[in-house]
Amino acid sequence: MPGWFKLTARVREKEAFLLWLAESGTRGVWEVDDRTLVAYALSPFPPPPESLVESFTQEEEAGEDWERKWREGFTTVWAAGDVTVRPPWEKATGAPFDLVIYPAFAFGTGHHPTTVLCLRMIRKYLREGMAFLDVGTGSGVLAFLAWKMRARPIVAVDCDPLACAEFERNAALNGIPREDVTLVDDFALVRGTFDCVVVNISASFCHRHFRDLSGRLREGGHLILSGFTEKDLIPLLEGAHSQHLRDVEIAEDSSWVVVVLRRFPVV
C-alpha cells in the first residue's frame, strides 16, 4: 500500500481552503471542528496560502493506517430516535429515516453537533406537505431528511460548487429523484415562502440576512438556526426579535446552539 500524506490545518476561510484542497490532489478530508480540517493525498501537499490558514502540519502515514482511520472516523450516528446518518459502507440501520452521506468535501456527515441539533428540530417541527428551505445545504443531509418526511416542495441553497457536487452524489445514494429537490447556488434566487427554513451556517450570516430569512418564512412557520456557539446567542435573538420572530425552543450540545424561531403576525 502507498503512503499517505496527512495535512492538518486550522483554517481562516473554510470554503476557499476546500477549493484549494480539491486543486491539490486531495483524496479525502474531514472536519475535526468548525475550523480544523484534516486532508489526505498520495503526494505531499504544497504549503497552503497564509490567507487561508492560521497554522498547519503535514506528516506521512502508511496507507493501511489512513484507510482504517478515515473509515473509523465516519460511523453511523443516531441523530434522533428514528433518524440515523451513515456512510455508504455501513449497513442500513432499519430506522424509519436512514440517511446515507458520503463524507467528502461538504459539511454535514452527522458527526457535528449542529447537524444533529438541526436534524432533531426538523424531525420535531416539520410535517408532511410543508414547504422546506435549506440554506447552506452542504452534503444535503437536512434536505434529505425533509424529503424522507414528505415535505414538498424542497429548495436547497449552496454557493460552493464542491458542496453542490456532493449534494448530487448523496441525493443518488438516498434514491432521491433530482426533480424532487431544487438546488440553487444563490440565496437571492430563492422565490416564494416556506413553512420551515433551516440555516446551519453562522451567526454572522443570520445577522446579515434576518430580513430576507423572515421574508421567506410563512406566518406561523419555523426558522431553525444553528452553526454558532453560546456566546452568539443573545445578539442573535435580538436580531431575530427585530424581525417579528420569537424563539420557541433553544437547545445546546458541546457549547453549540440551535434556536427554533416562529414568525408571528405583525400587530
C-alpha atoms as a PDB file:
ATOM      1  CA  MET A   1       0.000   0.000   0.000  1.00  0.00           C
ATOM      2  CA  PRO A   2       1.299   3.515  -0.809  1.00  0.00           C
ATOM      3  CA  GLY A   3       1.964   6.011   1.916  1.00  0.00           C
ATOM      4  CA  TRP A   4      -0.451   8.860   2.531  1.00  0.00           C
ATOM      5  CA  PHE A   5       0.342  12.480   3.310  1.00  0.00           C
ATOM      6  CA  LYS A   6      -1.798  13.976   6.051  1.00  0.00           C
ATOM      7  CA  LEU A   7      -2.375  17.735   6.264  1.00  0.00           C
ATOM      8  CA  THR A   8      -3.961  19.165   9.411  1.00  0.00           C
ATOM      9  CA  ALA A   9      -4.898  22.851   9.141  1.00  0.00           C
ATOM     10  CA  ARG A  10      -6.508  25.498  11.291  1.00  0.00           C
ATOM     11  CA  VAL A  11      -8.357  27.486   8.630  1.00  0.00           C
ATOM     12  CA  ARG A  12      -9.336  31.126   8.196  1.00  0.00           C
ATOM     13  CA  GLU A  13     -11.553  30.695   5.114  1.00  0.00           C
ATOM     14  CA  LYS A  14     -13.041  27.189   5.083  1.00  0.00           C
ATOM     15  CA  GLU A  15     -14.773  27.296   1.691  1.00  0.00           C
ATOM     16  CA  ALA A  16     -11.735  28.752  -0.077  1.00  0.00           C
ATOM     17  CA  PHE A  17      -9.474  26.229   1.653  1.00  0.00           C
ATOM     18  CA  LEU A  18     -11.659  23.327   0.480  1.00  0.00           C
ATOM     19  CA  LEU A  19     -11.362  24.609  -3.086  1.00  0.00           C
ATOM     20  CA  TRP A  20      -7.579  24.771  -2.658  1.00  0.00           C
ATOM     21  CA  LEU A  21      -7.566  21.179  -1.362  1.00  0.00           C
ATOM     22  CA  ALA A  22      -9.555  19.983  -4.361  1.00  0.00           C
ATOM     23  CA  GLU A  23      -6.970  21.541  -6.668  1.00  0.00           C
ATOM     24  CA  SER A  24      -4.099  19.970  -4.674  1.00  0.00           C
ATOM     25  CA  GLY A  25      -4.891  16.301  -5.307  1.00  0.00           C
ATOM     26  CA  THR A  26      -6.788  15.664  -2.070  1.00  0.00           C
ATOM     27  CA  ARG A  27      -8.265  12.168  -1.816  1.00  0.00           C
ATOM     28  CA  GLY A  28     -10.190  12.596   1.450  1.00  0.00           C
ATOM     29  CA  VAL A  29     -10.991  15.275   4.005  1.00  0.00           C
ATOM     30  CA  TRP A  30     -12.930  15.573   7.230  1.00  0.00           C
ATOM     31  CA  GLU A  31     -13.825  18.334   9.640  1.00  0.00           C
ATOM     32  CA  VAL A  32     -12.487  17.914  13.178  1.00  0.00           C
ATOM     33  CA  ASP A  33     -14.302  21.036  14.337  1.00  0.00           C
ATOM     34  CA  ASP A  34     -15.629  24.234  12.794  1.00  0.00           C
ATOM     35  CA  ARG A  35     -12.147  25.470  11.840  1.00  0.00           C
ATOM     36  CA  THR A  36      -9.886  22.398  11.833  1.00  0.00           C
ATOM     37  CA  LEU A  37      -9.679  20.207   8.721  1.00  0.00           C
ATOM     38  CA  VAL A  38      -7.687  17.048   8.058  1.00  0.00           C
ATOM     39  CA  ALA A  39      -6.912  16.066   4.460  1.00  0.00           C
ATOM     40  CA  TYR A  40      -5.057  13.179   2.797  1.00  0.00           C
ATOM     41  CA  ALA A  41      -3.271  12.861  -0.543  1.00  0.00           C
ATOM     42  CA  LEU A  42      -0.894  10.410  -2.251  1.00  0.00           C
ATOM     43  CA  SER A  43       1.817  13.073  -2.660  1.00  0.00           C
ATOM     44  CA  PRO A  44       2.958  15.916  -0.370  1.00  0.00           C
ATOM     45  CA  PHE A  45       0.740  18.969  -0.189  1.00  0.00           C
ATOM     46  CA  PRO A  46       2.174  22.320  -1.230  1.00  0.00           C
ATOM     47  CA  PRO A  47       2.227  24.860   1.616  1.00  0.00           C
ATOM     48  CA  PRO A  48      -1.297  26.298   1.985  1.00  0.00           C
ATOM     49  CA  PRO A  49      -1.632  30.047   1.319  1.00  0.00           C
ATOM     50  CA  GLU A  50      -1.293  32.103   4.512  1.00  0.00           C
ATOM     51  CA  SER A  51      -4.543  33.883   3.635  1.00  0.00           C
ATOM     52  CA  LEU A  52      -6.426  30.586   4.071  1.00  0.00           C
ATOM     53  CA  VAL A  53      -4.864  29.043   7.188  1.00  0.00           C
ATOM     54  CA  GLU A  54      -3.675  30.148  10.611  1.00  0.00           C
ATOM     55  CA  SER A  55      -1.411  27.110  11.008  1.00  0.00           C
ATOM     56  CA  PHE A  56      -0.835  23.674   9.520  1.00  0.00           C
ATOM     57  CA  THR A  57       1.186  20.483   9.953  1.00  0.00           C
ATOM     58  CA  GLN A  58       1.994  17.735   7.466  1.00  0.00           C
ATOM     59  CA  GLU A  59       3.029  14.133   8.133  1.00  0.00           C
ATOM     60  CA  GLU A  60       3.188  10.803   6.338  1.00  0.00           C
ATOM     61  CA  GLU A  61       1.177   7.712   7.279  1.00  0.00           C
ATOM     62  CA  ALA A  62       1.033   4.154   5.992  1.00  0.00           C
ATOM     63  CA  GLY A  63      -1.799   3.513   3.545  1.00  0.00           C
ATOM     64  CA  GLU A  64      -3.368   0.895   5.789  1.00  0.00           C
ATOM     65  CA  ASP A  65      -3.467   3.404   8.660  1.00  0.00           C
ATOM     66  CA  TRP A  66      -5.166   6.072   6.569  1.00  0.00           C
ATOM     67  CA  GLU A  67      -7.821   3.794   5.143  1.00  0.00           C
ATOM     68  CA  ARG A  68      -8.646   2.393   8.567  1.00  0.00           C
ATOM     69  CA  LYS A  69      -8.622   5.743  10.380  1.00  0.00           C
ATOM     70  CA  TRP A  70     -10.668   7.500   7.723  1.00  0.00           C
ATOM     71  CA  ARG A  71     -13.413   4.901   7.819  1.00  0.00           C
ATOM     72  CA  GLU A  72     -13.320   4.690  11.602  1.00  0.00           C
ATOM     73  CA  GLY A  73     -13.920   8.435  11.713  1.00  0.00           C
ATOM     74  CA  PHE A  74     -17.267   8.070   9.940  1.00  0.00           C
ATOM     75  CA  THR A  75     -19.642   5.633  11.568  1.00  0.00           C
ATOM     76  CA  THR A  76     -23.413   5.615  11.957  1.00  0.00           C
ATOM     77  CA  VAL A  77     -24.884   8.456  14.010  1.00  0.00           C
ATOM     78  CA  TRP A  78     -28.270   8.215  15.724  1.00  0.00           C
ATOM     79  CA  ALA A  79     -29.373  11.846  15.469  1.00  0.00           C
ATOM     80  CA  ALA A  80     -32.823  11.187  16.927  1.00  0.00           C
ATOM     81  CA  GLY A  81     -34.895   8.206  17.972  1.00  0.00           C
ATOM     82  CA  ASP A  82     -35.779   7.344  14.368  1.00  0.00           C
ATOM     83  CA  VAL A  83     -33.174   9.333  12.385  1.00  0.00           C
ATOM     84  CA  THR A  84     -29.753   7.894  11.503  1.00  0.00           C
ATOM     85  CA  VAL A  85     -26.907   9.184   9.344  1.00  0.00           C
ATOM     86  CA  ARG A  86     -24.379   6.679   8.000  1.00  0.00           C
ATOM     87  CA  PRO A  87     -21.653   6.407   5.375  1.00  0.00           C
ATOM     88  CA  PRO A  88     -22.455   4.088   2.448  1.00  0.00           C
ATOM     89  CA  TRP A  89     -20.082   1.350   3.683  1.00  0.00           C
ATOM     90  CA  GLU A  90     -22.112   0.797   6.872  1.00  0.00           C
ATOM     91  CA  LYS A  91     -25.213  -1.389   6.914  1.00  0.00           C
ATOM     92  CA  ALA A  92     -28.717   0.066   6.811  1.00  0.00           C
ATOM     93  CA  THR A  93     -29.986   0.726  10.316  1.00  0.00           C
ATOM     94  CA  GLY A  94     -33.631  -0.089   9.766  1.00  0.00           C
ATOM     95  CA  ALA A  95     -34.573   3.329  11.174  1.00  0.00           C
ATOM     96  CA  PRO A  96     -37.577   4.985   9.518  1.00  0.00           C
ATOM     97  CA  PHE A  97     -35.283   7.815   8.404  1.00  0.00           C
ATOM     98  CA  ASP A  98     -31.966   6.219   7.439  1.00  0.00           C
ATOM     99  CA  LEU A  99     -29.811   8.850   5.686  1.00  0.00           C
ATOM    100  CA  VAL A 100     -26.732   7.917   3.644  1.00  0.00           C
ATOM    101  CA  ILE A 101     -23.989  10.559   3.354  1.00  0.00           C
ATOM    102  CA  TYR A 102     -20.615  10.032   1.692  1.00  0.00           C
ATOM    103  CA  PRO A 103     -18.043  12.000   3.703  1.00  0.00           C
ATOM    104  CA  ALA A 104     -16.105  14.219   1.325  1.00  0.00           C
ATOM    105  CA  PHE A 105     -15.829  17.976   0.721  1.00  0.00           C
ATOM    106  CA  ALA A 106     -19.229  19.070   2.061  1.00  0.00           C
ATOM    107  CA  PHE A 107     -20.262  19.782   5.642  1.00  0.00           C
ATOM    108  CA  GLY A 108     -22.951  17.556   7.108  1.00  0.00           C
ATOM    109  CA  THR A 109     -21.911  13.970   7.855  1.00  0.00           C
ATOM    110  CA  GLY A 110     -23.989  13.866  11.035  1.00  0.00           C
ATOM    111  CA  HIS A 111     -20.959  13.967  13.332  1.00  0.00           C
ATOM    112  CA  HIS A 112     -21.007  17.688  14.137  1.00  0.00           C
ATOM    113  CA  PRO A 113     -23.319  18.784  16.983  1.00  0.00           C
ATOM    114  CA  THR A 114     -25.012  21.461  14.862  1.00  0.00           C
ATOM    115  CA  THR A 115     -26.036  18.886  12.239  1.00  0.00           C
ATOM    116  CA  VAL A 116     -27.501  16.618  14.900  1.00  0.00           C
ATOM    117  CA  LEU A 117     -29.334  19.513  16.557  1.00  0.00           C
ATOM    118  CA  CYS A 118     -30.850  20.616  13.243  1.00  0.00           C
ATOM    119  CA  LEU A 119     -31.938  17.084  12.361  1.00  0.00           C
ATOM    120  CA  ARG A 120     -33.691  16.789  15.709  1.00  0.00           C
ATOM    121  CA  MET A 121     -35.546  20.067  15.263  1.00  0.00           C
ATOM    122  CA  ILE A 122     -36.571  19.259  11.703  1.00  0.00           C
ATOM    123  CA  ARG A 123     -37.941  15.940  12.928  1.00  0.00           C
ATOM    124  CA  LYS A 124     -39.868  17.758  15.669  1.00  0.00           C
ATOM    125  CA  TYR A 125     -41.354  20.678  13.744  1.00  0.00           C
ATOM    126  CA  LEU A 126     -41.637  19.610  10.099  1.00  0.00           C
ATOM    127  CA  ARG A 127     -44.764  17.896   8.819  1.00  0.00           C
ATOM    128  CA  GLU A 128     -45.740  16.145   5.606  1.00  0.00           C
ATOM    129  CA  GLY A 129     -46.662  18.570   2.835  1.00  0.00           C
ATOM    130  CA  MET A 130     -44.825  21.553   4.317  1.00  0.00           C
ATOM    131  CA  ALA A 131     -42.605  23.682   2.092  1.00  0.00           C
ATOM    132  CA  PHE A 132     -38.956  23.416   3.187  1.00  0.00           C
ATOM    133  CA  LEU A 133     -35.895  25.605   2.551  1.00  0.00           C
ATOM    134  CA  ASP A 134     -32.333  24.555   3.478  1.00  0.00           C
ATOM    135  CA  VAL A 135     -29.868  27.469   3.288  1.00  0.00           C
ATOM    136  CA  GLY A 136     -26.242  26.292   3.170  1.00  0.00           C
ATOM    137  CA  THR A 137     -27.206  22.700   2.426  1.00  0.00           C
ATOM    138  CA  GLY A 138     -23.655  21.257   2.213  1.00  0.00           C
ATOM    139  CA  SER A 139     -23.966  17.475   1.947  1.00  0.00           C
ATOM    140  CA  GLY A 140     -27.750  17.815   1.684  1.00  0.00           C
ATOM    141  CA  VAL A 141     -28.430  15.809   4.842  1.00  0.00           C
ATOM    142  CA  LEU A 142     -31.064  18.223   6.224  1.00  0.00           C
ATOM    143  CA  ALA A 143     -32.900  18.495   2.907  1.00  0.00           C
ATOM    144  CA  PHE A 144     -32.831  14.712   2.536  1.00  0.00           C
ATOM    145  CA  LEU A 145     -34.487  14.241   5.924  1.00  0.00           C
ATOM    146  CA  ALA A 146     -37.166  16.712   4.830  1.00  0.00           C
ATOM    147  CA  TRP A 147     -37.694  14.678   1.646  1.00  0.00           C
ATOM    148  CA  LYS A 148     -37.998  11.415   3.575  1.00  0.00           C
ATOM    149  CA  MET A 149     -40.524  13.158   5.847  1.00  0.00           C
ATOM    150  CA  ARG A 150     -42.517  14.004   2.681  1.00  0.00           C
ATOM    151  CA  ALA A 151     -42.078  17.758   2.844  1.00  0.00           C
ATOM    152  CA  ARG A 152     -42.853  19.379  -0.521  1.00  0.00           C
ATOM    153  CA  PRO A 153     -41.617  21.467  -2.220  1.00  0.00           C
ATOM    154  CA  ILE A 154     -37.966  21.416  -1.087  1.00  0.00           C
ATOM    155  CA  VAL A 155     -35.362  24.017  -2.043  1.00  0.00           C
ATOM    156  CA  ALA A 156     -31.671  23.735  -1.086  1.00  0.00           C
ATOM    157  CA  VAL A 157     -29.099  26.521  -1.408  1.00  0.00           C
ATOM    158  CA  ASP A 158     -25.297  26.384  -1.529  1.00  0.00           C
ATOM    159  CA  CYS A 159     -22.799  28.651  -3.295  1.00  0.00           C
ATOM    160  CA  ASP A 160     -19.908  26.157  -3.015  1.00  0.00           C
ATOM    161  CA  PRO A 161     -19.532  24.083  -6.226  1.00  0.00           C
ATOM    162  CA  LEU A 162     -17.875  21.265  -4.267  1.00  0.00           C
ATOM    163  CA  ALA A 163     -20.856  21.080  -1.922  1.00  0.00           C
ATOM    164  CA  CYS A 164     -23.248  21.074  -4.874  1.00  0.00           C
ATOM    165  CA  ALA A 165     -21.384  18.124  -6.395  1.00  0.00           C
ATOM    166  CA  GLU A 166     -21.547  16.211  -3.099  1.00  0.00           C
ATOM    167  CA  PHE A 167     -25.239  17.075  -2.808  1.00  0.00           C
ATOM    168  CA  GLU A 168     -25.848  15.396  -6.170  1.00  0.00           C
ATOM    169  CA  ARG A 169     -23.913  12.276  -5.144  1.00  0.00           C
ATOM    170  CA  ASN A 170     -25.726  11.992  -1.807  1.00  0.00           C
ATOM    171  CA  ALA A 171     -29.126  12.512  -3.427  1.00  0.00           C
ATOM    172  CA  ALA A 172     -28.397   9.484  -5.607  1.00  0.00           C
ATOM    173  CA  LEU A 173     -27.229   7.442  -2.597  1.00  0.00           C
ATOM    174  CA  ASN A 174     -30.560   8.144  -0.908  1.00  0.00           C
ATOM    175  CA  GLY A 175     -32.622   7.333  -4.001  1.00  0.00           C
ATOM    176  CA  ILE A 176     -33.982  10.872  -4.240  1.00  0.00           C
ATOM    177  CA  PRO A 177     -35.171  11.944  -7.714  1.00  0.00           C
ATOM    178  CA  ARG A 178     -33.386  15.185  -8.586  1.00  0.00           C
ATOM    179  CA  GLU A 179     -36.615  16.838  -9.674  1.00  0.00           C
ATOM    180  CA  ASP A 180     -37.906  16.464  -6.103  1.00  0.00           C
ATOM    181  CA  VAL A 181     -35.339  18.900  -4.664  1.00  0.00           C
ATOM    182  CA  THR A 182     -34.453  22.214  -6.283  1.00  0.00           C
ATOM    183  CA  LEU A 183     -30.769  23.111  -5.809  1.00  0.00           C
ATOM    184  CA  VAL A 184     -29.737  26.744  -6.329  1.00  0.00           C
ATOM    185  CA  ASP A 185     -26.355  28.428  -5.837  1.00  0.00           C
ATOM    186  CA  ASP A 186     -27.521  31.827  -4.581  1.00  0.00           C
ATOM    187  CA  PHE A 187     -29.923  32.658  -1.750  1.00  0.00           C
ATOM    188  CA  ALA A 188     -31.091  35.685  -3.745  1.00  0.00           C
ATOM    189  CA  LEU A 189     -32.532  33.323  -6.364  1.00  0.00           C
ATOM    190  CA  VAL A 190     -34.955  31.715  -3.901  1.00  0.00           C
ATOM    191  CA  ARG A 191     -38.572  32.598  -4.586  1.00  0.00           C
ATOM    192  CA  GLY A 192     -41.732  32.025  -2.590  1.00  0.00           C
ATOM    193  CA  THR A 193     -42.291  31.336   1.099  1.00  0.00           C
ATOM    194  CA  PHE A 194     -41.800  28.263   3.236  1.00  0.00           C
ATOM    195  CA  ASP A 195     -43.236  26.603   6.334  1.00  0.00           C
ATOM    196  CA  CYS A 196     -39.778  25.619   7.591  1.00  0.00           C
ATOM    197  CA  VAL A 197     -36.443  27.308   6.878  1.00  0.00           C
ATOM    198  CA  VAL A 198     -33.151  25.895   8.194  1.00  0.00           C
ATOM    199  CA  VAL A 199     -29.833  27.763   8.280  1.00  0.00           C
ATOM    200  CA  ASN A 200     -26.817  25.897   9.665  1.00  0.00           C
ATOM    201  CA  ILE A 201     -24.042  28.328   8.724  1.00  0.00           C
ATOM    202  CA  SER A 202     -23.013  31.026  11.216  1.00  0.00           C
ATOM    203  CA  ALA A 203     -24.353  33.785  13.415  1.00  0.00           C
ATOM    204  CA  SER A 204     -22.885  36.439  11.111  1.00  0.00           C
ATOM    205  CA  PHE A 205     -24.818  35.056   8.129  1.00  0.00           C
ATOM    206  CA  CYS A 206     -28.043  35.147  10.126  1.00  0.00           C
ATOM    207  CA  HIS A 207     -27.454  38.754  11.200  1.00  0.00           C
ATOM    208  CA  ARG A 208     -26.855  39.829   7.596  1.00  0.00           C
ATOM    209  CA  HIS A 209     -29.931  38.048   6.259  1.00  0.00           C
ATOM    210  CA  PHE A 210     -32.558  38.179   9.023  1.00  0.00           C
ATOM    211  CA  ARG A 211     -34.850  40.378   6.943  1.00  0.00           C
ATOM    212  CA  ASP A 212     -34.626  38.059   3.931  1.00  0.00           C
ATOM    213  CA  LEU A 213     -34.991  34.928   6.056  1.00  0.00           C
ATOM    214  CA  SER A 214     -38.078  36.339   7.748  1.00  0.00           C
ATOM    215  CA  GLY A 215     -39.441  37.280   4.341  1.00  0.00           C
ATOM    216  CA  ARG A 216     -39.097  33.692   3.141  1.00  0.00           C
ATOM    217  CA  LEU A 217     -40.992  32.345   6.167  1.00  0.00           C
ATOM    218  CA  ARG A 218     -44.758  31.923   6.136  1.00  0.00           C
ATOM    219  CA  GLU A 219     -46.785  33.250   9.032  1.00  0.00           C
ATOM    220  CA  GLY A 220     -46.672  30.607  11.759  1.00  0.00           C
ATOM    221  CA  GLY A 221     -43.664  28.955  10.116  1.00  0.00           C
ATOM    222  CA  HIS A 222     -40.471  27.903  11.879  1.00  0.00           C
ATOM    223  CA  LEU A 223     -36.929  29.153  11.299  1.00  0.00           C
ATOM    224  CA  ILE A 224     -34.232  26.771  12.612  1.00  0.00           C
ATOM    225  CA  LEU A 225     -30.822  28.395  13.110  1.00  0.00           C
ATOM    226  CA  SER A 226     -27.508  26.806  14.084  1.00  0.00           C
ATOM    227  CA  GLY A 227     -23.802  26.957  13.312  1.00  0.00           C
ATOM    228  CA  PHE A 228     -22.919  29.186  16.274  1.00  0.00           C
ATOM    229  CA  THR A 229     -21.981  28.878  19.951  1.00  0.00           C
ATOM    230  CA  GLU A 230     -23.464  30.154  23.201  1.00  0.00           C
ATOM    231  CA  LYS A 231     -21.586  33.467  23.055  1.00  0.00           C
ATOM    232  CA  ASP A 232     -23.537  34.436  19.922  1.00  0.00           C
ATOM    233  CA  LEU A 233     -26.961  33.552  21.292  1.00  0.00           C
ATOM    234  CA  ILE A 234     -28.157  36.818  22.878  1.00  0.00           C
ATOM    235  CA  PRO A 235     -27.200  39.106  19.960  1.00  0.00           C
ATOM    236  CA  LEU A 236     -28.768  36.626  17.560  1.00  0.00           C
ATOM    237  CA  LEU A 237     -32.046  36.564  19.480  1.00  0.00           C
ATOM    238  CA  GLU A 238     -32.119  40.365  19.500  1.00  0.00           C
ATOM    239  CA  GLY A 239     -31.756  40.391  15.732  1.00  0.00           C
ATOM    240  CA  ALA A 240     -34.490  37.786  15.354  1.00  0.00           C
ATOM    241  CA  HIS A 241     -36.914  39.673  17.580  1.00  0.00           C
ATOM    242  CA  SER A 242     -36.443  42.808  15.484  1.00  0.00           C
ATOM    243  CA  GLN A 243     -37.916  40.859  12.546  1.00  0.00           C
ATOM    244  CA  HIS A 244     -41.007  39.686  14.471  1.00  0.00           C
ATOM    245  CA  LEU A 245     -39.504  36.250  15.105  1.00  0.00           C
ATOM    246  CA  ARG A 246     -39.928  34.700  18.523  1.00  0.00           C
ATOM    247  CA  ASP A 247     -37.889  31.836  19.959  1.00  0.00           C
ATOM    248  CA  VAL A 248     -39.904  28.748  20.808  1.00  0.00           C
ATOM    249  CA  GLU A 249     -37.026  26.375  21.598  1.00  0.00           C
ATOM    250  CA  ILE A 250     -33.301  26.571  22.290  1.00  0.00           C
ATOM    251  CA  ALA A 251     -31.008  23.544  22.640  1.00  0.00           C
ATOM    252  CA  GLU A 252     -27.269  23.133  23.199  1.00  0.00           C
ATOM    253  CA  ASP A 253     -24.672  20.435  22.612  1.00  0.00           C
ATOM    254  CA  SER A 254     -20.980  20.894  23.475  1.00  0.00           C
ATOM    255  CA  SER A 255     -21.469  24.698  23.502  1.00  0.00           C
ATOM    256  CA  TRP A 256     -23.050  24.623  20.014  1.00  0.00           C
ATOM    257  CA  VAL A 257     -26.585  26.008  19.894  1.00  0.00           C
ATOM    258  CA  VAL A 258     -29.735  25.615  17.819  1.00  0.00           C
ATOM    259  CA  VAL A 259     -32.593  28.101  18.006  1.00  0.00           C
ATOM    260  CA  VAL A 260     -36.103  27.491  16.697  1.00  0.00           C
ATOM    261  CA  LEU A 261     -37.994  30.705  15.912  1.00  0.00           C
ATOM    262  CA  ARG A 262     -41.563  31.236  14.823  1.00  0.00           C
ATOM    263  CA  ARG A 263     -42.879  34.038  12.645  1.00  0.00           C
ATOM    264  CA  PHE A 264     -45.815  35.783  14.246  1.00  0.00           C
ATOM    265  CA  PRO A 265     -48.075  38.330  12.539  1.00  0.00           C
ATOM    266  CA  VAL A 266     -47.168  41.997  12.803  1.00  0.00           C
ATOM    267  CA  VAL A 267     -49.695  43.815  15.018  1.00  0.00           C
END
